[in-house]
Structure formats: structure tokens, C-alpha cells
Protein backbone atom coordinates (compact mmCIF):
# COMPACT_ATOMS: atom_id res chain seq x y z
CA MET A 1 67.32 79.91 102.11
CA HIS A 2 68.74 76.53 103.12
CA ILE A 3 69.42 75.31 99.95
CA ALA A 4 70.54 71.79 100.71
CA GLU A 5 73.67 69.48 99.96
CA GLY A 6 74.13 68.66 95.98
CA PHE A 7 71.79 70.92 94.97
CA LEU A 8 74.55 72.75 93.40
CA PRO A 9 77.55 71.59 91.39
CA VAL A 10 81.10 71.75 92.80
CA ALA A 11 82.31 75.16 90.90
CA HIS A 12 79.09 76.64 91.93
CA CYS A 13 79.21 76.08 95.68
CA VAL A 14 82.97 77.26 94.84
CA ALA A 15 82.02 80.10 93.45
CA TRP A 16 79.38 81.57 95.80
CA GLY A 17 82.26 80.55 98.45
CA ILE A 18 84.33 83.26 96.79
CA ALA A 19 81.45 85.69 95.97
CA SER A 20 80.64 85.83 100.40
CA ALA A 21 84.44 85.36 102.18
CA PRO A 22 85.30 89.10 102.07
CA PHE A 23 81.91 90.07 103.57
CA VAL A 24 82.00 87.22 106.31
CA ILE A 25 86.07 88.14 107.01
CA HIS A 26 84.74 91.87 106.80
CA GLY A 27 82.02 91.57 108.84
CA ALA A 28 83.75 89.53 111.87
CA ARG A 29 86.51 92.79 112.11
CA ALA A 30 83.15 94.40 112.08
CA VAL A 31 81.91 92.27 114.76
CA ILE A 32 85.27 92.29 116.81
CA GLN A 33 85.33 96.57 116.22
CA GLU A 34 82.08 96.89 117.68
CA SER A 35 82.31 94.26 120.94
CA THR A 36 85.52 96.60 122.02
CA LYS A 37 84.51 100.26 121.09
CA ASN A 38 80.90 99.18 122.57
CA PRO A 39 80.75 96.62 125.33
CA GLU A 40 77.88 97.38 125.88
CA SER A 41 76.98 95.68 122.57
CA LYS A 42 77.95 91.95 123.26
CA LEU A 43 74.26 91.42 124.67
CA LEU A 44 72.54 93.11 121.71
CA LEU A 45 75.28 91.46 119.57
CA ALA A 46 74.05 88.60 121.02
CA ALA A 47 70.46 89.31 121.02
CA ALA A 48 70.64 89.46 116.99
CA GLY A 49 72.31 86.34 115.84
CA ALA A 50 70.16 84.73 118.71
CA PHE A 51 67.24 85.68 117.38
CA THR A 52 68.10 84.97 113.62
CA PHE A 53 68.32 81.91 114.25
CA VAL A 54 65.43 81.21 115.92
CA LEU A 55 63.41 82.99 113.64
CA SER A 56 65.35 81.86 110.67
CA ALA A 57 64.92 77.68 111.83
CA ILE A 58 61.15 78.03 112.10
CA LYS A 59 60.82 76.17 108.47
CA LEU A 60 57.29 75.90 107.06
CA PRO A 61 55.76 73.48 104.24
CA SER A 62 55.14 75.88 101.21
CA VAL A 63 52.38 74.95 99.05
CA THR A 64 54.34 74.25 96.03
CA GLY A 65 56.33 71.15 98.42
CA SER A 66 58.75 73.08 98.96
CA SER A 67 59.15 74.78 102.62
CA SER A 68 59.56 78.24 103.74
CA HIS A 69 61.90 80.08 107.04
CA PRO A 70 61.81 83.59 107.75
CA THR A 71 65.15 85.30 108.13
CA GLY A 72 64.95 87.60 110.98
CA THR A 73 67.99 89.34 108.97
CA GLY A 74 66.51 92.67 108.94
CA ALA A 75 66.77 93.36 112.15
CA GLY A 76 70.37 93.00 112.56
CA ALA A 77 71.17 94.67 110.19
CA ILE A 78 69.02 97.73 111.05
CA LEU A 79 70.62 97.53 114.55
CA PHE A 80 74.80 96.87 113.24
CA LYS A 81 74.34 97.93 110.21
CA PRO A 82 74.81 94.86 106.94
CA PRO A 83 78.60 93.75 107.32
CA VAL A 84 77.76 92.06 111.11
CA MET A 85 75.24 90.45 109.50
CA ALA A 86 77.61 88.88 107.04
CA PHE A 87 79.48 87.61 109.81
CA LEU A 88 76.69 86.44 112.86
CA GLY A 89 74.72 85.05 109.42
CA THR A 90 77.25 82.68 108.54
CA VAL A 91 77.93 81.48 112.17
CA VAL A 92 74.25 80.93 112.21
CA LEU A 93 73.76 78.87 109.13
CA LEU A 94 76.82 76.87 109.60
CA PHE A 95 75.67 75.44 113.05
CA GLN A 96 72.30 75.34 110.93
CA ALA A 97 73.38 73.13 109.42
CA LEU A 98 75.26 71.21 111.26
CA LEU A 99 72.51 70.77 113.66
CA LEU A 100 69.36 70.63 112.06
CA ALA A 101 70.38 69.36 108.56
CA HIS A 102 69.34 73.32 107.51
CA GLY A 103 71.12 73.68 104.44
CA GLY A 104 75.18 71.97 103.79
CA LEU A 105 77.96 72.74 104.13
CA THR A 106 79.18 72.84 100.52
CA THR A 107 76.46 74.82 99.93
CA LEU A 108 77.59 77.01 102.66
CA GLY A 109 77.87 80.21 100.46
CA ALA A 110 76.15 80.22 98.50
CA ASN A 111 73.04 80.00 101.63
CA VAL A 112 75.33 83.52 103.08
CA PHE A 113 75.28 84.88 100.23
CA SER A 114 71.30 84.40 100.22
CA MET A 115 70.88 85.12 103.58
CA ALA A 116 73.59 86.89 105.45
CA ILE A 117 74.76 89.19 102.46
CA ALA A 118 72.09 90.18 99.75
CA GLY A 119 69.12 90.77 102.64
CA PRO A 120 70.48 92.54 105.10
CA TRP A 121 71.66 95.27 102.69
CA ALA A 122 68.23 95.49 100.85
CA ALA A 123 66.79 95.97 104.18
CA TYR A 124 69.21 98.51 105.12
CA ALA A 125 69.08 100.28 102.46
CA VAL A 126 65.04 100.63 102.99
CA TRP A 127 65.79 101.25 106.75
CA ARG A 128 67.63 104.01 105.21
CA LEU A 129 65.20 105.21 102.39
CA VAL A 130 62.26 105.41 105.03
CA ARG A 131 63.94 107.46 107.71
CA VAL A 132 66.08 110.03 105.79
CA GLY A 133 62.43 110.60 104.20
CA LYS A 134 61.20 111.47 107.78
CA GLY A 135 59.24 107.71 107.91
CA PRO A 136 58.22 106.28 111.82
CA MET A 137 60.53 103.54 112.65
CA GLU A 138 57.70 101.31 113.08
CA LEU A 139 57.31 101.81 108.92
CA GLY A 140 60.90 101.30 108.71
CA VAL A 141 61.24 98.59 110.30
CA PHE A 142 58.64 96.66 109.11
CA LEU A 143 59.68 97.04 105.06
CA ALA A 144 63.31 96.22 105.78
CA MET A 145 62.34 92.55 107.49
CA ALA A 146 60.35 92.33 104.86
CA VAL A 147 62.49 92.87 102.07
CA ALA A 148 65.18 91.28 103.72
CA ASP A 149 63.09 88.65 103.87
CA LEU A 150 61.71 88.82 99.39
CA VAL A 151 65.18 89.50 98.40
CA THR A 152 66.33 86.09 100.47
CA TYR A 153 64.60 84.20 98.32
CA CYS A 154 65.19 86.38 95.04
CA VAL A 155 68.63 85.38 95.00
CA THR A 156 68.24 81.63 95.94
CA SER A 157 65.73 81.72 93.67
CA LEU A 158 69.19 83.47 91.10
CA GLN A 159 71.55 80.67 92.84
CA LEU A 160 69.51 77.62 91.86
CA ALA A 161 68.30 79.54 87.99
CA LEU A 162 72.28 79.81 87.77
CA ALA A 163 72.70 76.06 88.32
CA TYR A 164 69.56 74.78 86.51
CA PRO A 165 69.28 76.95 83.28
CA ASP A 166 67.02 74.60 81.56
CA PRO A 167 65.46 75.65 78.80
CA ASP A 168 66.67 79.06 79.54
CA LEU A 169 67.98 81.30 82.53
CA LEU A 170 64.75 83.25 82.54
CA GLY A 171 62.78 80.40 82.62
CA ALA A 172 64.25 78.05 85.34
CA LEU A 173 64.10 82.03 86.80
CA ALA A 174 60.55 82.25 87.36
CA LYS A 175 60.08 78.50 87.89
CA PHE A 176 62.06 78.41 91.23
CA ALA A 177 60.43 82.11 92.35
CA GLY A 178 57.70 80.41 92.05
CA VAL A 179 58.43 77.32 93.67
CA PHE A 180 58.54 80.03 96.42
CA ALA A 181 56.33 82.97 96.24
CA LEU A 182 53.07 82.22 97.23
CA THR A 183 54.14 80.83 100.44
CA GLN A 184 57.29 84.01 101.11
CA ILE A 185 55.12 86.85 100.23
CA PRO A 186 52.54 86.15 103.23
CA LEU A 187 55.16 84.73 105.85
CA ALA A 188 57.56 88.29 104.96
CA LEU A 189 54.71 90.18 105.73
CA MET A 190 54.34 88.25 108.88
CA GLU A 191 57.90 88.71 109.74
CA GLY A 192 57.62 92.61 109.30
CA LEU A 193 55.37 92.98 111.81
CA VAL A 194 57.43 90.32 114.47
CA GLY A 195 59.39 92.74 113.57
CA VAL A 196 58.35 96.00 114.20
CA LEU A 197 56.83 93.65 117.57
CA LEU A 198 60.86 93.39 118.31
CA PHE A 199 62.25 97.22 117.94
CA ARG A 200 58.98 98.21 120.24
CA PHE A 201 59.79 95.63 123.05
CA LEU A 202 63.68 96.69 122.38
CA VAL A 203 63.19 100.21 122.75
CA LYS A 204 61.02 99.58 126.32
CA VAL A 205 64.39 98.32 127.31
CA ALA A 206 66.98 99.14 125.21
CA ALA A 207 65.70 102.90 124.26
CA PRO A 208 69.37 104.90 125.71
CA GLU A 209 71.24 101.70 123.24
CA LEU A 210 68.89 102.56 120.17
CA ALA A 211 69.29 106.46 120.70
CA ARG A 212 73.28 106.25 120.92
CA ARG A 213 72.83 104.19 117.53
CA GLY A 214 70.24 107.53 115.72
CA LEU A 215 67.79 104.61 115.36
CA ILE A 216 65.33 106.34 117.40
CA ASN A 217 64.84 110.89 118.59
CA THR A 218 65.49 111.85 121.85
CA ALA A 219 61.64 112.73 122.01
CA GLN A 220 61.25 108.43 121.84
CA LYS A 221 64.05 107.73 124.69
CA GLU A 222 62.73 109.21 127.23
CA ALA A 223 59.35 108.72 126.20
CA ALA A 224 60.29 104.59 127.06
CA HIS A 225 61.03 105.46 130.59
CA ALA A 226 58.01 107.72 130.81
């Protein structure tokens, strides 16, 4: 995540940009549809984008000499489903590239694919699996947020391995994944805990909206207002 300018060959930048574009376009349409159909959700949309921006802007030094970031995309994927996060994540990454020098413009497509597409879809899959299995909301949030973080970095490792497959792809993938792993695994667990705290807060201040989206049941909604 946040592959810097110049780290990927031009052909790879173009390819990842082309791969990400349909998801981002579909996501933009999903955001417009959500805002038009449910105007009251605009504040929550903005909060999801802001949460992703703030969390993914936190740059932590890695014990391997690189750096690691939380992603924050799992929360938006749970609230609005992954297509919305493809667009919101793109906006976040664009602003970070322009304002914070995190990532780059030529590598935007690759960063979008890992953080705004792969991460949110993995998070939503885990969330649905836990909830369909009648698991508690907090467990689903924790796992979804942690998985979004880890999958983002797994995809980033694959992107770098494809660009630098010396001496072979699997060896390069193991090398790049190892650079992130020692820092990213505990960071993902912490992100899961932050997600639980966030949703506990949302249950208190936005229970009707969460209930309307099917994220909490009537009993939880009533308990939030008790």
C-alpha cells in the first residue's frame, strides 16, 4: 500500500490503472446513488472517507526498514459495501499522493487496487461470513478490519513481486511479504480493535441508520437508546 512514485514500471502502472478503473467508476455511481436515494447517509459517507484518510495517513516505521500504515477501508466496506470504498479510497489516495507524498500519481492504480478494491472486498466477505453464521457484530468488525489491512499488503507484495520477480515470482513474493509481515500483523490486529471502538460509538450515535442497513437488530437499536 502506498507504493511510491517510480517503483513500478510504466506498463505495470498502466495495467493496474486499467484494472482499477471499472471498480472506481462503478463506485462513483454507487456513491451518487446512495447520496440520492438516502440523503441522510451523506454524513456517514463523509465519516467513512475521513476515517480512511486519517487512519491510512498514519505512517509507522517498520522493523524491516520500510514503513506500514493502517488502511481503514474495512469500516466503509461494512457500512456501504465495497463498491463505495473503491471510489472513496481513490479520493483518499489521490489526496494523500498530492498533499502528503504518500504513494504517487503513476502508481495510483496499483495503490487503489490493493487498498480500495482488494482490501474492502476481503473485509466484506469476512463480515458477511461472520454475520451469516450469526456471529456477534463486534467479532465481524474486528476480523473484517484486520483482514482488509492484511489483504491490502498481500496484494501490494504481489504487485511488487510482479514488477521485480528476481530470482523468481514466489521468492520475490515471500521477500516483499516478509518486509511487511512483522509490523503489519500486529498493526492489523490493532486496526481491528479500533474498528470495534468505532462501531461501538456508531451504535450509540447512529443506531437507526445502522438498523436500516441491517448492521444491528431491533434489540440492539433499542438498547443503544436505553
